[in-house]
Amino acid sequence: MYMIAPNLKTLPPGMVYAYAMIVFVASCIVIYQFLKSLPSPRGPGPGPEARMETFADGEGSRGSLTMFHSPGCGHCKSAMPAFDQLAAEYSNPGDKRVIVNKVDGEQNDAEVERYGIKGFPTYIYHPKSSDKNTFTEYGGGRDYRSMKNYVEYQRR
């Protein structure tokens, strides 16, 4: 974006201020667009963001625990470390126990509506089966031990 600069000495004082504001706003827009295009500094956590076509099936032989979250939600941010710890424990590709993943609820409106999610974070557990419509909503604690105990109990 190029702007032609007027001769500031010939402009009336009010116009100099208006020109300065236009340049400032244009600069802010350019900086905002640049920052928005950068990848997240945190990167993906150990619990991968799920692809909506695959997250719910549990692959038949495994169950799945999915955290629906919102990036701006304070409760989600406070629960994320415990969930990431749980995801890291179950992230081994050879591990046949359970799939642990997360879904950005703001980006997947259809799934949020499908499960009747009213707030974030919401945890959905799919037992190991071929029926994608069988699920339970986890309502326990948001700490690592509570979620791990729930997953282990559901696996039985």
C-alpha atoms as a PDB file:
ATOM      1  CA  MET A   1       0.000   0.000   0.000  1.00  0.00           C
ATOM      2  CA  TYR A   2       1.488   3.299  -1.094  1.00  0.00           C
ATOM      3  CA  MET A   3       0.253   6.719  -0.064  1.00  0.00           C
ATOM      4  CA  ILE A   4       1.192   9.994  -1.666  1.00  0.00           C
ATOM      5  CA  ALA A   5       2.365  12.360   1.041  1.00  0.00           C
ATOM      6  CA  PRO A   6       1.180  15.957   0.666  1.00  0.00           C
ATOM      7  CA  ASN A   7       3.409  18.877   1.429  1.00  0.00           C
ATOM      8  CA  LEU A   8       2.604  19.247   5.129  1.00  0.00           C
ATOM      9  CA  LYS A   9       3.757  22.890   5.201  1.00  0.00           C
ATOM     10  CA  THR A  10       0.966  23.938   2.844  1.00  0.00           C
ATOM     11  CA  LEU A  11      -1.868  22.127   4.632  1.00  0.00           C
ATOM     12  CA  PRO A  12      -3.991  23.852   7.258  1.00  0.00           C
ATOM     13  CA  PRO A  13      -3.323  22.560  10.829  1.00  0.00           C
ATOM     14  CA  GLY A  14      -6.606  20.606  10.998  1.00  0.00           C
ATOM     15  CA  MET A  15      -5.787  18.760   7.798  1.00  0.00           C
ATOM     16  CA  VAL A  16      -2.340  17.755   9.079  1.00  0.00           C
ATOM     17  CA  TYR A  17      -4.034  16.080  12.025  1.00  0.00           C
ATOM     18  CA  ALA A  18      -6.548  14.312   9.740  1.00  0.00           C
ATOM     19  CA  TYR A  19      -3.747  13.115   7.439  1.00  0.00           C
ATOM     20  CA  ALA A  20      -1.774  11.804  10.426  1.00  0.00           C
ATOM     21  CA  MET A  21      -4.828   9.875  11.648  1.00  0.00           C
ATOM     22  CA  ILE A  22      -5.388   8.323   8.214  1.00  0.00           C
ATOM     23  CA  VAL A  23      -1.758   7.173   8.065  1.00  0.00           C
ATOM     24  CA  PHE A  24      -1.974   5.791  11.619  1.00  0.00           C
ATOM     25  CA  VAL A  25      -5.191   3.816  10.951  1.00  0.00           C
ATOM     26  CA  ALA A  26      -3.848   2.446   7.664  1.00  0.00           C
ATOM     27  CA  SER A  27      -0.660   1.320   9.432  1.00  0.00           C
ATOM     28  CA  CYS A  28      -2.671  -0.394  12.172  1.00  0.00           C
ATOM     29  CA  ILE A  29      -4.701  -2.301   9.587  1.00  0.00           C
ATOM     30  CA  VAL A  30      -1.565  -3.513   7.816  1.00  0.00           C
ATOM     31  CA  ILE A  31       0.031  -4.609  11.109  1.00  0.00           C
ATOM     32  CA  TYR A  32      -3.178  -6.362  12.227  1.00  0.00           C
ATOM     33  CA  GLN A  33      -3.433  -8.304   8.971  1.00  0.00           C
ATOM     34  CA  PHE A  34       0.211  -9.344   9.250  1.00  0.00           C
ATOM     35  CA  LEU A  35      -0.127 -10.507  12.865  1.00  0.00           C
ATOM     36  CA  LYS A  36      -3.333 -12.379  12.063  1.00  0.00           C
ATOM     37  CA  SER A  37      -1.527 -14.332   9.333  1.00  0.00           C
ATOM     38  CA  LEU A  38       1.197 -15.599  11.704  1.00  0.00           C
ATOM     39  CA  PRO A  39       0.857 -19.086  13.213  1.00  0.00           C
ATOM     40  CA  SER A  40      -0.029 -19.403  16.880  1.00  0.00           C
ATOM     41  CA  PRO A  41       3.075 -19.069  19.081  1.00  0.00           C
ATOM     42  CA  ARG A  42       1.882 -21.977  21.232  1.00  0.00           C
ATOM     43  CA  GLY A  43       1.543 -24.309  18.289  1.00  0.00           C
ATOM     44  CA  PRO A  44      -0.673 -27.346  18.531  1.00  0.00           C
ATOM     45  CA  GLY A  45      -0.799 -28.981  21.937  1.00  0.00           C
ATOM     46  CA  PRO A  46      -0.310 -32.688  22.499  1.00  0.00           C
ATOM     47  CA  GLY A  47      -4.037 -33.200  22.045  1.00  0.00           C
ATOM     48  CA  PRO A  48      -4.476 -32.726  18.308  1.00  0.00           C
ATOM     49  CA  GLU A  49      -7.269 -30.664  16.870  1.00  0.00           C
ATOM     50  CA  ALA A  50      -9.571 -33.304  15.435  1.00  0.00           C
ATOM     51  CA  ARG A  51     -10.843 -33.424  11.900  1.00  0.00           C
ATOM     52  CA  MET A  52     -14.614 -33.452  12.209  1.00  0.00           C
ATOM     53  CA  GLU A  53     -15.096 -36.385   9.853  1.00  0.00           C
ATOM     54  CA  THR A  54     -12.995 -38.695  12.052  1.00  0.00           C
ATOM     55  CA  PHE A  55     -13.103 -37.552  15.664  1.00  0.00           C
ATOM     56  CA  ALA A  56     -16.284 -39.273  16.818  1.00  0.00           C
ATOM     57  CA  ASP A  57     -15.932 -42.811  15.544  1.00  0.00           C
ATOM     58  CA  GLY A  58     -13.448 -44.089  18.115  1.00  0.00           C
ATOM     59  CA  GLU A  59     -12.115 -46.264  15.280  1.00  0.00           C
ATOM     60  CA  GLY A  60     -14.354 -49.096  16.442  1.00  0.00           C
ATOM     61  CA  SER A  61     -11.805 -50.696  18.751  1.00  0.00           C
ATOM     62  CA  ARG A  62     -11.109 -47.590  20.845  1.00  0.00           C
ATOM     63  CA  GLY A  63     -13.245 -45.050  22.600  1.00  0.00           C
ATOM     64  CA  SER A  64     -12.645 -41.322  22.229  1.00  0.00           C
ATOM     65  CA  LEU A  65     -12.770 -38.361  24.592  1.00  0.00           C
ATOM     66  CA  THR A  66     -13.164 -35.044  22.799  1.00  0.00           C
ATOM     67  CA  MET A  67     -12.916 -31.625  24.382  1.00  0.00           C
ATOM     68  CA  PHE A  68     -15.005 -28.965  22.663  1.00  0.00           C
ATOM     69  CA  HIS A  69     -13.362 -25.655  23.514  1.00  0.00           C
ATOM     70  CA  SER A  70     -13.240 -22.009  22.572  1.00  0.00           C
ATOM     71  CA  PRO A  71      -9.870 -20.246  22.207  1.00  0.00           C
ATOM     72  CA  GLY A  72     -11.085 -17.202  24.143  1.00  0.00           C
ATOM     73  CA  CYS A  73     -12.756 -19.097  26.996  1.00  0.00           C
ATOM     74  CA  GLY A  74     -11.135 -18.680  30.414  1.00  0.00           C
ATOM     75  CA  HIS A  75     -12.448 -22.029  31.696  1.00  0.00           C
ATOM     76  CA  CYS A  76     -11.038 -23.746  28.591  1.00  0.00           C
ATOM     77  CA  LYS A  77      -7.648 -22.126  29.079  1.00  0.00           C
ATOM     78  CA  SER A  78      -7.498 -23.265  32.708  1.00  0.00           C
ATOM     79  CA  ALA A  79      -8.585 -26.832  31.813  1.00  0.00           C
ATOM     80  CA  MET A  80      -6.254 -27.146  28.813  1.00  0.00           C
ATOM     81  CA  PRO A  81      -3.037 -28.130  30.694  1.00  0.00           C
ATOM     82  CA  ALA A  82      -4.739 -31.093  32.390  1.00  0.00           C
ATOM     83  CA  PHE A  83      -6.371 -32.149  29.120  1.00  0.00           C
ATOM     84  CA  ASP A  84      -3.059 -31.836  27.246  1.00  0.00           C
ATOM     85  CA  GLN A  85      -1.416 -34.007  29.912  1.00  0.00           C
ATOM     86  CA  LEU A  86      -4.126 -36.631  29.415  1.00  0.00           C
ATOM     87  CA  ALA A  87      -3.736 -36.411  25.626  1.00  0.00           C
ATOM     88  CA  ALA A  88       0.030 -36.822  25.916  1.00  0.00           C
ATOM     89  CA  GLU A  89      -0.453 -39.999  27.945  1.00  0.00           C
ATOM     90  CA  TYR A  90      -2.723 -41.526  25.298  1.00  0.00           C
ATOM     91  CA  SER A  91      -0.906 -40.117  22.239  1.00  0.00           C
ATOM     92  CA  ASN A  92       1.262 -43.154  21.471  1.00  0.00           C
ATOM     93  CA  PRO A  93       0.166 -44.403  17.997  1.00  0.00           C
ATOM     94  CA  GLY A  94       0.442 -48.023  19.169  1.00  0.00           C
ATOM     95  CA  ASP A  95      -1.769 -47.334  22.185  1.00  0.00           C
ATOM     96  CA  LYS A  96      -5.131 -49.017  21.607  1.00  0.00           C
ATOM     97  CA  ARG A  97      -6.838 -47.684  24.736  1.00  0.00           C
ATOM     98  CA  VAL A  98      -8.535 -44.409  23.811  1.00  0.00           C
ATOM     99  CA  ILE A  99      -8.314 -41.421  21.459  1.00  0.00           C
ATOM    100  CA  VAL A 100      -8.031 -38.045  23.204  1.00  0.00           C
ATOM    101  CA  ASN A 101      -8.480 -34.959  21.056  1.00  0.00           C
ATOM    102  CA  LYS A 102      -9.962 -31.478  21.042  1.00  0.00           C
ATOM    103  CA  VAL A 103     -12.237 -29.551  18.717  1.00  0.00           C
ATOM    104  CA  ASP A 104     -12.515 -25.785  18.378  1.00  0.00           C
ATOM    105  CA  GLY A 105     -16.235 -25.283  18.959  1.00  0.00           C
ATOM    106  CA  GLU A 106     -16.217 -21.854  17.314  1.00  0.00           C
ATOM    107  CA  GLN A 107     -14.994 -23.380  14.045  1.00  0.00           C
ATOM    108  CA  ASN A 108     -17.359 -26.378  14.046  1.00  0.00           C
ATOM    109  CA  ASP A 109     -20.886 -25.047  14.521  1.00  0.00           C
ATOM    110  CA  ALA A 110     -22.547 -28.125  13.035  1.00  0.00           C
ATOM    111  CA  GLU A 111     -20.969 -30.450  15.597  1.00  0.00           C
ATOM    112  CA  VAL A 112     -21.718 -28.076  18.466  1.00  0.00           C
ATOM    113  CA  GLU A 113     -25.363 -28.098  17.397  1.00  0.00           C
ATOM    114  CA  ARG A 114     -25.365 -31.877  16.848  1.00  0.00           C
ATOM    115  CA  TYR A 115     -24.250 -32.536  20.420  1.00  0.00           C
ATOM    116  CA  GLY A 116     -26.355 -29.751  21.931  1.00  0.00           C
ATOM    117  CA  ILE A 117     -23.341 -28.020  23.447  1.00  0.00           C
ATOM    118  CA  LYS A 118     -24.369 -24.926  25.383  1.00  0.00           C
ATOM    119  CA  GLY A 119     -21.005 -23.822  26.793  1.00  0.00           C
ATOM    120  CA  PHE A 120     -17.299 -24.502  26.773  1.00  0.00           C
ATOM    121  CA  PRO A 121     -15.447 -26.591  27.668  1.00  0.00           C
ATOM    122  CA  THR A 122     -17.649 -29.623  27.009  1.00  0.00           C
ATOM    123  CA  TYR A 123     -16.265 -33.159  26.977  1.00  0.00           C
ATOM    124  CA  ILE A 124     -17.902 -35.862  24.858  1.00  0.00           C
ATOM    125  CA  TYR A 125     -16.996 -39.529  25.273  1.00  0.00           C
ATOM    126  CA  HIS A 126     -17.708 -42.049  22.515  1.00  0.00           C
ATOM    127  CA  PRO A 127     -17.426 -45.661  23.699  1.00  0.00           C
ATOM    128  CA  LYS A 128     -15.712 -48.200  21.492  1.00  0.00           C
ATOM    129  CA  SER A 129     -18.427 -49.151  19.051  1.00  0.00           C
ATOM    130  CA  SER A 130     -19.351 -48.578  15.458  1.00  0.00           C
ATOM    131  CA  ASP A 131     -22.359 -46.395  16.382  1.00  0.00           C
ATOM    132  CA  LYS A 132     -21.358 -42.729  16.082  1.00  0.00           C
ATOM    133  CA  ASN A 133     -24.590 -41.623  17.740  1.00  0.00           C
ATOM    134  CA  THR A 134     -23.710 -43.272  21.058  1.00  0.00           C
ATOM    135  CA  PHE A 135     -21.972 -40.814  23.361  1.00  0.00           C
ATOM    136  CA  THR A 136     -22.000 -39.479  26.889  1.00  0.00           C
ATOM    137  CA  GLU A 137     -21.144 -36.037  28.170  1.00  0.00           C
ATOM    138  CA  TYR A 138     -18.475 -35.920  30.860  1.00  0.00           C
ATOM    139  CA  GLY A 139     -19.485 -33.694  33.754  1.00  0.00           C
ATOM    140  CA  GLY A 140     -16.719 -34.352  36.269  1.00  0.00           C
ATOM    141  CA  GLY A 141     -13.715 -32.342  37.364  1.00  0.00           C
ATOM    142  CA  ARG A 142     -11.443 -30.566  34.930  1.00  0.00           C
ATOM    143  CA  ASP A 143      -8.266 -31.846  36.543  1.00  0.00           C
ATOM    144  CA  TYR A 144      -6.046 -34.573  35.115  1.00  0.00           C
ATOM    145  CA  ARG A 145      -6.834 -37.228  37.736  1.00  0.00           C
ATOM    146  CA  SER A 146     -10.628 -36.856  37.381  1.00  0.00           C
ATOM    147  CA  MET A 147     -10.516 -37.071  33.591  1.00  0.00           C
ATOM    148  CA  LYS A 148      -8.114 -40.028  33.646  1.00  0.00           C
ATOM    149  CA  ASN A 149     -10.310 -41.903  36.127  1.00  0.00           C
ATOM    150  CA  TYR A 150     -13.354 -41.234  33.935  1.00  0.00           C
ATOM    151  CA  VAL A 151     -11.613 -42.506  30.795  1.00  0.00           C
ATOM    152  CA  GLU A 152     -10.339 -45.616  32.565  1.00  0.00           C
ATOM    153  CA  TYR A 153     -13.816 -46.301  34.006  1.00  0.00           C
ATOM    154  CA  GLN A 154     -15.459 -45.900  30.571  1.00  0.00           C
ATOM    155  CA  ARG A 155     -12.961 -48.254  28.942  1.00  0.00           C
ATOM    156  CA  ARG A 156     -14.116 -51.233  31.042  1.00  0.00           C
END
